Amino acid sequence: MRALVAAAIGLAAALALVFTISAVGSPPGETSPKPLLTTVPGPKQ
């Protein structure tokens, strides 16, 4: 019975954390107008 109560408390805490993070939202940010430039290594000789 204790395990069931502990599982219920853990689930409630996890859901509360998820809802809190969802309510706060992600921080405002901007994307860079410049694309990321990547290079492909040439063939080995």
C-alpha atoms as a PDB file:
ATOM      1  CA  MET A   1       0.000   0.000   0.000  1.00  0.00           C
ATOM      2  CA  ARG A   2       2.896   2.355   0.776  1.00  0.00           C
ATOM      3  CA  ALA A   3       4.325   1.762  -2.682  1.00  0.00           C
ATOM      4  CA  LEU A   4       1.023   2.780  -4.264  1.00  0.00           C
ATOM      5  CA  VAL A   5       0.892   5.979  -2.224  1.00  0.00           C
ATOM      6  CA  ALA A   6       4.523   6.763  -3.074  1.00  0.00           C
ATOM      7  CA  ALA A   7       3.843   6.173  -6.764  1.00  0.00           C
ATOM      8  CA  ALA A   8       0.802   8.461  -6.654  1.00  0.00           C
ATOM      9  CA  ILE A   9       2.798  11.206  -4.922  1.00  0.00           C
ATOM     10  CA  GLY A  10       5.619  10.870  -7.447  1.00  0.00           C
ATOM     11  CA  LEU A  11       3.197  11.035 -10.363  1.00  0.00           C
ATOM     12  CA  ALA A  12       1.486  14.098  -8.910  1.00  0.00           C
ATOM     13  CA  ALA A  13       4.849  15.819  -8.405  1.00  0.00           C
ATOM     14  CA  ALA A  14       5.941  15.017 -11.963  1.00  0.00           C
ATOM     15  CA  LEU A  15       2.692  16.341 -13.408  1.00  0.00           C
ATOM     16  CA  ALA A  16       2.932  19.492 -11.308  1.00  0.00           C
ATOM     17  CA  LEU A  17       6.452  20.071 -12.616  1.00  0.00           C
ATOM     18  CA  VAL A  18       5.369  19.558 -16.229  1.00  0.00           C
ATOM     19  CA  PHE A  19       2.409  21.907 -15.845  1.00  0.00           C
ATOM     20  CA  THR A  20       4.579  24.540 -14.175  1.00  0.00           C
ATOM     21  CA  ILE A  21       7.138  24.440 -16.972  1.00  0.00           C
ATOM     22  CA  SER A  22       4.359  24.564 -19.560  1.00  0.00           C
ATOM     23  CA  ALA A  23       2.749  27.560 -17.878  1.00  0.00           C
ATOM     24  CA  VAL A  24       6.024  29.491 -17.707  1.00  0.00           C
ATOM     25  CA  GLY A  25       6.784  28.777 -21.350  1.00  0.00           C
ATOM     26  CA  SER A  26      10.038  28.852 -23.185  1.00  0.00           C
ATOM     27  CA  PRO A  27      12.272  31.895 -22.981  1.00  0.00           C
ATOM     28  CA  PRO A  28      11.996  34.323 -25.884  1.00  0.00           C
ATOM     29  CA  GLY A  29      14.719  33.856 -28.416  1.00  0.00           C
ATOM     30  CA  GLU A  30      15.657  34.729 -31.926  1.00  0.00           C
ATOM     31  CA  THR A  31      17.029  32.661 -34.715  1.00  0.00           C
ATOM     32  CA  SER A  32      20.087  33.804 -36.555  1.00  0.00           C
ATOM     33  CA  PRO A  33      19.438  35.188 -40.040  1.00  0.00           C
ATOM     34  CA  LYS A  34      22.740  33.668 -41.183  1.00  0.00           C
ATOM     35  CA  PRO A  35      22.708  29.961 -41.999  1.00  0.00           C
ATOM     36  CA  LEU A  36      25.169  27.708 -40.285  1.00  0.00           C
ATOM     37  CA  LEU A  37      27.995  27.007 -42.666  1.00  0.00           C
ATOM     38  CA  THR A  38      29.390  23.526 -42.511  1.00  0.00           C
ATOM     39  CA  THR A  39      32.199  21.993 -44.497  1.00  0.00           C
ATOM     40  CA  VAL A  40      32.507  18.438 -45.673  1.00  0.00           C
ATOM     41  CA  PRO A  41      35.982  16.956 -45.375  1.00  0.00           C
ATOM     42  CA  GLY A  42      37.579  16.134 -48.696  1.00  0.00           C
ATOM     43  CA  PRO A  43      38.589  12.664 -49.774  1.00  0.00           C
ATOM     44  CA  LYS A  44      41.626  11.174 -48.058  1.00  0.00           C
ATOM     45  CA  GLN A  45      44.657  10.605 -50.217  1.00  0.00           C
END
